[in-house]
Amino acid sequence: MQGILFPRGEVEEREGLKEYRQRGGYVALEKALKGSTPEGILQEIAESGLRGRGGAGFPTGKKWAFTRECAVEPHYVVLNGGEDEPGSKKDRLLMENLPHLVLEGTTAYLYINDQYKEAKNSMAGALAEAEAAGLCGKKILGSDFSLDVVFVAAPPNYVAGEDSAALEVIEQKQPLPRQKPPFPATAGLFGKPTAVNNVETLANVAPIIAQGAAWYRGFGTPESPGTMIFSLNDEVNRPGIYELPFGSSLRFLIEECGGGVKGKKAIKAILPGGPSSAYLPADKIDVPLDPNSVRAAGSTLGCGVVRIVTEGSCIVEETLRIADFFAAESCGQCPACRMETNILAVMLKKVQQGQGGLPLLEQFGKVISFNKGKGFCNLINMPGPPIESALKLFRSDFEFHLANGRCPES
């Protein structure tokens, strides 16, 4: 299936400058510098309907407009490659194999997970190639526009990928999220207006500028134009990274792209958007993969990491692993977040071991609702959806664990 970022359907090796230019690379840059205006670029991005691919789905054109409208100079753009979501490999793949596609849509700071050595080397090589060809650096393509790109190593922990925490690291501070407002768009890097976008978001920019918003809207649905990269992991026969138009079904992703579940096991539940999304029951497998449809089904797309839980798996242990992850990754800056994530993990451990009795199950919702929105970043809200949905869909499993100290499947 032809995509926007992977026009040949898949990418197996790194694409150099020569290969990228042969398929129209850097046409968008030349158009931006010589055939358009900043306002024209903003309008094209806004009309395309491009939304952030990091999880929140905020309209990119609107985010850029907020930054553009600020009178304070200079303005910054930060590529957030601090990806550390369990099971997510899409940003890493884009930087490793399509570095020029990423670079063409990027300015100023490249913030890349320090564990992604190959991705960092690939992006550094692309930058050197681009500078040698006059596509980056001083007086780009003979214009009066100059741009220096700076690499910054992102600490390999989850919260360091939060937008404002990334800015703190670039400013050589600890990776701690900032209290908002103000938001980065108006007071970001060094207190200046800053647009922070993840790798997949910025990789879409060059194709949109080169081909136009109308072309981009030929992919996906009217409400959710474009494509999204989804990550399938070891639960399927063909794990990997797949780019699909919005509106493709979850079944198509799992069965046609992923080759179905290993061992032809029946599906018990699906996390469609990584560990912070709510579980969907197996009968929702035909849900269209677009934000509105997945939300209507009871979950979120997040960053596109799809986790499949098969029949015979323990949903209590699955949920406990998620709670343990968020407890470990909380930076501890906000007392409510530190308290909530640890309490939820401890409570789930008690359920797993058959301690606490049925009244314990009623406490999860109270802890989650009491702490909702009380942190500087969204991590405080992340354990809630998987825990509450697991309790709603599989309450009998939790009750069996409390009564017997083991899973009904064992």
Protein backbone atom coordinates (compact mmCIF):
# COMPACT_ATOMS: atom_id res chain seq x y z
CA MET A 1 0.00 0.00 0.00
CA GLN A 2 1.44 3.36 -1.02
CA GLY A 3 1.95 5.82 1.79
CA ILE A 4 3.14 9.37 2.33
CA LEU A 5 6.28 8.73 4.34
CA PHE A 6 7.00 5.28 2.90
CA PRO A 7 5.98 5.73 -0.77
CA ARG A 8 7.30 2.29 -1.69
CA GLY A 9 5.44 0.66 1.16
CA GLU A 10 8.47 -0.23 3.28
CA VAL A 11 11.97 0.99 4.06
CA GLU A 12 14.65 -1.61 4.66
CA GLU A 13 17.82 0.48 4.44
CA ARG A 14 19.03 4.04 4.87
CA GLU A 15 18.18 6.49 2.10
CA GLY A 16 21.04 8.88 1.27
CA LEU A 17 20.85 12.37 -0.18
CA LYS A 18 21.16 11.19 -3.80
CA GLU A 19 18.30 8.71 -3.50
CA TYR A 20 16.15 11.19 -1.61
CA ARG A 21 16.61 13.92 -4.22
CA GLN A 22 15.87 11.47 -7.03
CA ARG A 23 12.37 11.06 -5.61
CA GLY A 24 11.78 14.77 -5.18
CA GLY A 25 13.53 15.45 -1.90
CA TYR A 26 14.20 19.07 -0.90
CA VAL A 27 11.70 20.37 -3.47
CA ALA A 28 9.63 21.50 -0.50
CA LEU A 29 12.59 23.39 0.96
CA GLU A 30 13.22 25.19 -2.32
CA LYS A 31 9.52 26.00 -2.60
CA ALA A 32 9.47 27.37 0.94
CA LEU A 33 12.51 29.58 0.36
CA LYS A 34 11.88 30.77 -3.18
CA GLY A 35 8.25 30.19 -4.10
CA SER A 36 6.26 30.85 -0.95
CA THR A 37 6.06 32.94 2.22
CA PRO A 38 5.92 31.95 5.89
CA GLU A 39 2.21 32.75 5.83
CA GLY A 40 1.77 30.56 2.75
CA ILE A 41 3.53 27.64 4.43
CA LEU A 42 1.40 28.03 7.55
CA GLN A 43 -1.76 28.10 5.46
CA GLU A 44 -0.75 24.96 3.54
CA ILE A 45 -0.06 23.05 6.76
CA ALA A 46 -3.33 24.26 8.31
CA GLU A 47 -5.36 23.32 5.22
CA SER A 48 -3.75 19.87 5.11
CA GLY A 49 -5.27 19.02 8.50
CA LEU A 50 -1.96 17.65 9.79
CA ARG A 51 -2.12 16.85 13.50
CA GLY A 52 0.62 15.92 15.91
CA ARG A 53 1.56 12.25 15.90
CA GLY A 54 3.05 12.18 19.38
CA GLY A 55 -0.23 11.31 21.08
CA ALA A 56 -2.12 14.55 21.75
CA GLY A 57 -3.13 15.11 18.11
CA PHE A 58 -3.05 18.92 18.29
CA PRO A 59 -3.39 20.65 14.88
CA THR A 60 0.14 21.41 13.67
CA GLY A 61 -0.89 24.49 11.71
CA LYS A 62 -2.49 25.99 14.80
CA LYS A 63 0.57 25.25 16.96
CA TRP A 64 2.85 26.89 14.40
CA ALA A 65 0.53 29.88 14.08
CA PHE A 66 0.66 30.47 17.84
CA THR A 67 4.45 30.58 17.64
CA ARG A 68 4.51 32.70 14.49
CA GLU A 69 2.15 35.29 15.98
CA CYS A 70 4.40 35.97 18.97
CA ALA A 71 6.34 39.21 18.50
CA VAL A 72 9.23 38.03 20.69
CA GLU A 73 12.31 36.92 18.71
CA PRO A 74 13.86 34.51 17.94
CA HIS A 75 11.44 31.65 17.30
CA TYR A 76 12.54 28.02 17.63
CA VAL A 77 11.43 24.66 16.25
CA VAL A 78 12.44 21.51 18.13
CA LEU A 79 12.25 18.01 16.70
CA ASN A 80 11.32 15.80 19.64
CA GLY A 81 12.93 12.42 19.05
CA GLY A 82 12.93 11.54 22.73
CA GLU A 83 10.71 8.54 21.99
CA ASP A 84 10.68 6.10 24.92
CA GLU A 85 7.15 4.67 24.70
CA PRO A 86 7.20 0.88 25.27
CA GLY A 87 6.96 -0.84 21.90
CA SER A 88 7.27 2.34 19.81
CA LYS A 89 9.96 2.28 17.13
CA LYS A 90 8.54 4.56 14.42
CA ASP A 91 10.57 7.70 15.19
CA ARG A 92 13.73 5.62 15.39
CA LEU A 93 13.00 4.03 12.00
CA LEU A 94 12.32 7.38 10.35
CA MET A 95 15.56 8.88 11.64
CA GLU A 96 17.63 5.81 10.81
CA ASN A 97 16.32 5.14 7.30
CA LEU A 98 14.73 8.40 6.08
CA PRO A 99 16.90 11.07 7.71
CA HIS A 100 16.59 13.61 4.89
CA LEU A 101 12.79 13.41 4.94
CA VAL A 102 12.94 14.25 8.65
CA LEU A 103 15.63 16.92 8.22
CA GLU A 104 13.79 18.73 5.42
CA GLY A 105 10.86 19.44 7.73
CA THR A 106 13.01 20.38 10.72
CA THR A 107 14.77 23.45 12.05
CA ALA A 108 17.03 24.38 14.94
CA TYR A 109 17.24 21.54 17.51
CA LEU A 110 17.26 17.77 16.99
CA TYR A 111 16.45 16.17 20.35
CA ILE A 112 17.14 12.44 19.95
CA ASN A 113 16.98 9.58 22.45
CA ASP A 114 20.57 8.95 23.52
CA GLN A 115 20.09 5.18 23.14
CA TYR A 116 19.31 5.57 19.43
CA LYS A 117 22.95 5.51 18.33
CA GLU A 118 22.20 4.49 14.74
CA ALA A 119 19.48 7.14 14.43
CA LYS A 120 21.84 9.84 15.74
CA ASN A 121 24.57 8.78 13.32
CA SER A 122 22.10 8.67 10.44
CA MET A 123 20.78 12.16 11.18
CA ALA A 124 24.31 13.52 11.62
CA GLY A 125 25.28 12.04 8.26
CA ALA A 126 22.20 13.55 6.63
CA LEU A 127 23.02 16.95 8.11
CA ALA A 128 26.59 16.78 6.78
CA GLU A 129 25.31 15.80 3.32
CA ALA A 130 22.74 18.60 3.36
CA GLU A 131 25.28 21.21 4.44
CA ALA A 132 27.73 20.13 1.74
CA ALA A 133 24.96 20.46 -0.87
CA GLY A 134 23.93 23.92 0.34
CA LEU A 135 20.64 22.61 1.74
CA CYS A 136 21.40 23.55 5.34
CA GLY A 137 23.67 26.02 7.10
CA LYS A 138 24.55 29.43 5.65
CA LYS A 139 22.58 31.03 2.77
CA ILE A 140 20.58 27.91 1.96
CA LEU A 141 20.07 27.36 -1.80
CA GLY A 142 21.60 30.77 -2.45
CA SER A 143 18.96 32.60 -0.42
CA ASP A 144 19.42 35.00 2.47
CA PHE A 145 18.10 32.36 4.87
CA SER A 146 20.59 30.57 7.13
CA LEU A 147 19.97 27.82 9.64
CA ASP A 148 22.16 26.03 12.13
CA VAL A 149 20.97 22.63 13.36
CA VAL A 150 22.05 21.52 16.83
CA PHE A 151 22.00 17.94 18.16
CA VAL A 152 20.96 17.35 21.77
CA ALA A 153 21.00 13.93 23.47
CA ALA A 154 17.68 13.06 25.11
CA PRO A 155 17.93 11.05 28.35
CA PRO A 156 16.49 7.54 27.84
CA ASN A 157 13.55 7.90 30.19
CA TYR A 158 9.87 8.38 29.45
CA VAL A 159 9.22 11.81 30.92
CA ALA A 160 12.20 13.29 29.04
CA GLY A 161 10.07 13.02 25.90
CA GLU A 162 7.49 15.47 27.27
CA ASP A 163 7.70 18.72 25.30
CA SER A 164 8.69 21.07 28.10
CA ALA A 165 11.04 18.51 29.67
CA ALA A 166 12.82 18.34 26.30
CA LEU A 167 13.29 22.11 26.41
CA GLU A 168 14.74 21.84 29.91
CA VAL A 169 17.32 19.32 28.67
CA ILE A 170 18.28 21.54 25.73
CA GLU A 171 18.83 24.34 28.27
CA GLN A 172 21.16 21.92 30.12
CA LYS A 173 18.78 21.36 33.04
CA GLN A 174 17.15 18.26 34.50
CA PRO A 175 14.45 16.55 32.35
CA LEU A 176 11.50 17.83 34.38
CA PRO A 177 8.23 19.04 32.84
CA ARG A 178 7.31 22.68 33.32
CA GLN A 179 4.11 23.98 34.83
CA LYS A 180 1.76 25.23 32.11
CA PRO A 181 0.70 27.86 31.17
CA PRO A 182 2.75 29.38 29.70
CA PHE A 183 2.95 26.86 26.87
CA PRO A 184 6.07 26.39 24.72
CA ALA A 185 4.39 28.02 21.72
CA THR A 186 4.55 31.37 23.51
CA ALA A 187 7.34 30.87 26.08
CA GLY A 188 9.43 27.82 25.30
CA LEU A 189 13.15 27.37 24.67
CA PHE A 190 15.10 30.08 26.53
CA GLY A 191 11.74 31.75 27.14
CA LYS A 192 11.16 32.28 23.41
CA PRO A 193 8.24 31.09 21.23
CA THR A 194 8.90 27.44 20.36
CA ALA A 195 7.11 24.81 18.29
CA VAL A 196 7.91 21.31 19.55
CA ASN A 197 6.91 18.50 17.19
CA ASN A 198 7.68 14.81 17.17
CA VAL A 199 9.57 13.08 14.37
CA GLU A 200 6.61 11.63 12.48
CA THR A 201 4.79 14.98 12.51
CA LEU A 202 7.72 16.85 10.98
CA ALA A 203 8.36 14.07 8.46
CA ASN A 204 4.92 14.86 7.00
CA VAL A 205 5.75 18.54 6.41
CA ALA A 206 7.98 18.22 3.34
CA PRO A 207 5.51 16.02 1.38
CA ILE A 208 2.68 18.44 2.19
CA ILE A 209 4.62 21.50 1.02
CA ALA A 210 5.90 19.70 -2.08
CA GLN A 211 2.59 18.12 -3.14
CA GLY A 212 0.02 20.44 -1.56
CA ALA A 213 -2.70 20.16 1.07
CA ALA A 214 -5.27 18.80 -1.40
CA TRP A 215 -2.96 15.92 -2.33
CA TYR A 216 -2.39 15.13 1.36
CA ARG A 217 -6.13 15.10 2.00
CA GLY A 218 -6.43 12.35 -0.61
CA PHE A 219 -5.22 10.01 2.14
CA GLY A 220 -7.29 9.15 5.19
CA THR A 221 -10.73 10.53 5.98
CA PRO A 222 -12.20 14.05 5.72
CA GLU A 223 -11.99 14.46 9.51
CA SER A 224 -8.57 12.79 9.82
CA PRO A 225 -6.54 13.32 6.64
CA GLY A 226 -3.19 11.67 6.04
CA THR A 227 -1.59 8.52 7.35
CA MET A 228 -0.20 7.26 10.63
CA ILE A 229 2.60 4.88 11.46
CA PHE A 230 1.53 1.97 13.68
CA SER A 231 3.81 -0.36 15.63
CA LEU A 232 2.97 -4.05 15.93
CA ASN A 233 5.06 -6.12 18.29
CA ASP A 234 5.73 -9.79 18.95
CA GLU A 235 2.10 -10.84 19.43
CA VAL A 236 1.69 -11.04 15.62
CA ASN A 237 3.42 -13.11 12.94
CA ARG A 238 4.92 -10.08 11.18
CA PRO A 239 5.84 -7.52 13.82
CA GLY A 240 6.98 -4.20 12.45
CA ILE A 241 6.15 -0.62 11.52
CA TYR A 242 3.21 -0.03 9.19
CA GLU A 243 2.00 3.22 7.62
CA LEU A 244 -1.75 3.20 6.98
CA PRO A 245 -4.27 5.86 5.93
CA PHE A 246 -6.47 7.03 8.76
CA GLY A 247 -9.72 5.07 8.62
CA SER A 248 -8.08 1.70 7.91
CA SER A 249 -9.48 -0.93 10.25
CA LEU A 250 -7.72 -2.37 13.27
CA ARG A 251 -8.47 -5.81 11.82
CA PHE A 252 -6.63 -4.92 8.59
CA LEU A 253 -3.58 -3.81 10.57
CA ILE A 254 -3.46 -6.97 12.67
CA GLU A 255 -4.45 -9.58 10.09
CA GLU A 256 -3.29 -8.23 6.72
CA CYS A 257 -0.23 -6.26 7.81
CA GLY A 258 0.78 -8.25 10.88
CA GLY A 259 -0.19 -11.64 9.47
CA GLY A 260 -2.56 -12.37 12.34
CA VAL A 261 -1.91 -13.34 15.93
CA LYS A 262 0.80 -15.93 16.53
CA GLY A 263 -0.49 -19.44 16.98
CA LYS A 264 -3.92 -18.28 15.81
CA LYS A 265 -4.74 -17.42 19.41
CA ALA A 266 -8.02 -15.65 20.10
CA ILE A 267 -7.83 -12.00 21.05
CA LYS A 268 -8.96 -11.03 24.55
CA ALA A 269 -8.30 -7.27 24.45
CA ILE A 270 -6.35 -4.65 22.51
CA LEU A 271 -4.53 -1.50 23.56
CA PRO A 272 -4.70 0.57 20.34
CA GLY A 273 -2.53 3.49 21.47
CA GLY A 274 0.17 2.29 23.83
CA PRO A 275 0.13 1.82 27.62
CA SER A 276 -1.83 5.01 28.35
CA SER A 277 -4.81 4.01 26.18
CA ALA A 278 -7.89 2.12 27.34
CA TYR A 279 -8.38 -1.54 26.51
CA LEU A 280 -10.81 -2.37 23.73
CA PRO A 281 -12.62 -5.73 23.77
CA ALA A 282 -12.00 -8.19 20.94
CA ASP A 283 -15.33 -7.38 19.29
CA LYS A 284 -14.05 -3.85 18.51
CA ILE A 285 -11.43 -5.20 16.10
CA ASP A 286 -13.19 -3.63 13.11
CA VAL A 287 -12.95 -0.10 14.50
CA PRO A 288 -11.50 2.38 11.96
CA LEU A 289 -8.09 3.64 13.01
CA ASP A 290 -8.74 7.35 13.23
CA PRO A 291 -8.93 9.48 16.40
CA ASN A 292 -12.69 10.04 16.34
CA SER A 293 -13.62 6.40 15.70
CA VAL A 294 -11.24 5.00 18.32
CA ARG A 295 -12.46 7.60 20.82
CA ALA A 296 -16.07 6.60 20.12
CA ALA A 297 -15.10 2.97 20.74
CA GLY A 298 -13.75 3.94 24.15
CA SER A 299 -10.01 4.43 23.70
CA THR A 300 -7.36 6.62 22.02
CA LEU A 301 -4.82 6.19 19.22
CA GLY A 302 -1.95 7.71 21.19
CA CYS A 303 1.31 7.20 19.34
CA GLY A 304 0.06 4.15 17.43
CA VAL A 305 1.62 1.32 19.45
CA VAL A 306 -0.84 -1.58 19.28
CA ARG A 307 -0.65 -4.16 22.08
CA ILE A 308 -2.67 -7.37 21.73
CA VAL A 309 -3.67 -9.40 24.78
CA THR A 310 -4.61 -12.97 23.83
CA GLU A 311 -6.99 -15.38 25.55
CA GLY A 312 -5.10 -17.18 28.26
CA SER A 313 -3.15 -14.07 29.24
CA CYS A 314 -3.67 -12.59 32.68
CA ILE A 315 -5.24 -9.14 32.38
CA VAL A 316 -4.35 -8.36 36.01
CA GLU A 317 -0.66 -8.98 35.34
CA GLU A 318 -0.84 -7.04 32.06
CA THR A 319 -2.32 -4.05 33.88
CA LEU A 320 0.16 -4.37 36.74
CA ARG A 321 3.06 -4.13 34.27
CA ILE A 322 1.60 -0.88 32.95
CA ALA A 323 1.16 0.52 36.47
CA ASP A 324 4.73 -0.48 37.39
CA PHE A 325 6.01 1.28 34.26
CA PHE A 326 4.34 4.58 35.09
CA ALA A 327 5.37 4.36 38.75
CA ALA A 328 8.98 3.87 37.67
CA GLU A 329 8.87 6.62 35.04
CA SER A 330 7.24 9.32 37.18
CA CYS A 331 9.93 11.96 37.69
CA GLY A 332 8.70 12.62 41.24
CA GLN A 333 8.45 16.38 40.76
CA CYS A 334 4.69 16.47 41.45
CA PRO A 335 3.71 14.86 44.80
CA ALA A 336 0.27 13.85 43.49
CA CYS A 337 1.77 11.97 40.53
CA ARG A 338 4.42 10.26 42.65
CA MET A 339 1.76 9.21 45.15
CA GLU A 340 -0.86 8.10 42.61
CA THR A 341 1.39 6.03 40.36
CA ASN A 342 2.94 4.19 43.30
CA ILE A 343 -0.39 3.59 45.06
CA LEU A 344 -1.98 2.17 41.90
CA ALA A 345 0.95 -0.20 41.40
CA VAL A 346 0.78 -1.34 45.03
CA MET A 347 -2.99 -1.86 44.83
CA LEU A 348 -2.69 -3.95 41.67
CA LYS A 349 0.06 -6.01 43.29
CA LYS A 350 -2.33 -6.74 46.16
CA VAL A 351 -5.01 -7.84 43.70
CA GLN A 352 -2.51 -10.11 41.97
CA GLN A 353 -1.57 -11.73 45.28
CA GLY A 354 -5.16 -12.10 46.48
CA GLN A 355 -4.98 -9.48 49.23
CA GLY A 356 -7.42 -6.73 50.16
CA GLY A 357 -10.85 -8.09 49.32
CA LEU A 358 -13.48 -6.83 46.90
CA PRO A 359 -13.71 -3.31 48.43
CA LEU A 360 -10.19 -2.71 47.09
CA LEU A 361 -11.55 -2.65 43.53
CA GLU A 362 -13.72 0.36 44.37
CA GLN A 363 -10.67 2.37 45.41
CA PHE A 364 -9.02 2.47 41.97
CA GLY A 365 -11.52 4.91 40.50
CA LYS A 366 -11.34 7.12 43.59
CA VAL A 367 -7.54 7.38 43.46
CA ILE A 368 -7.56 8.10 39.73
CA SER A 369 -10.32 10.73 39.81
CA PHE A 370 -8.87 12.49 42.88
CA ASN A 371 -5.49 13.03 41.20
CA LYS A 372 -6.63 13.71 37.65
CA GLY A 373 -5.00 16.82 36.17
CA LYS A 374 -2.91 17.60 39.27
CA GLY A 375 0.50 17.22 37.63
CA PHE A 376 2.69 19.47 35.49
CA CYS A 377 2.45 16.95 32.64
CA ASN A 378 0.00 14.30 31.52
CA LEU A 379 1.78 11.30 33.06
CA ILE A 380 -0.45 11.57 36.13
CA ASN A 381 -3.46 10.79 33.92
CA MET A 382 -1.88 7.91 32.01
CA PRO A 383 -2.40 4.88 34.29
CA GLY A 384 -6.13 5.59 34.57
CA PRO A 385 -7.49 4.48 31.17
CA PRO A 386 -5.90 0.99 31.07
CA ILE A 387 -6.71 0.26 34.73
CA GLU A 388 -10.32 1.47 34.64
CA SER A 389 -11.06 -0.19 31.29
CA ALA A 390 -9.53 -3.49 32.46
CA LEU A 391 -11.75 -3.38 35.55
CA LYS A 392 -14.81 -2.58 33.47
CA LEU A 393 -14.23 -5.28 30.84
CA PHE A 394 -12.73 -8.04 32.98
CA ARG A 395 -13.92 -7.41 36.51
CA SER A 396 -14.48 -11.12 37.11
CA ASP A 397 -10.76 -11.73 36.49
CA PHE A 398 -9.88 -9.20 39.20
CA GLU A 399 -12.42 -10.74 41.60
CA PHE A 400 -11.04 -14.24 40.95
CA HIS A 401 -7.51 -12.99 41.68
CA LEU A 402 -8.65 -11.47 44.96
CA ALA A 403 -10.35 -14.70 45.98
CA ASN A 404 -7.67 -17.13 44.82
CA GLY A 405 -4.40 -15.23 44.43
CA ARG A 406 -4.05 -16.40 40.86
CA CYS A 407 -5.48 -15.87 37.39
CA PRO A 408 -8.55 -17.85 36.27
CA GLU A 409 -6.58 -18.73 33.13
CA SER A 410 -3.82 -20.52 35.09
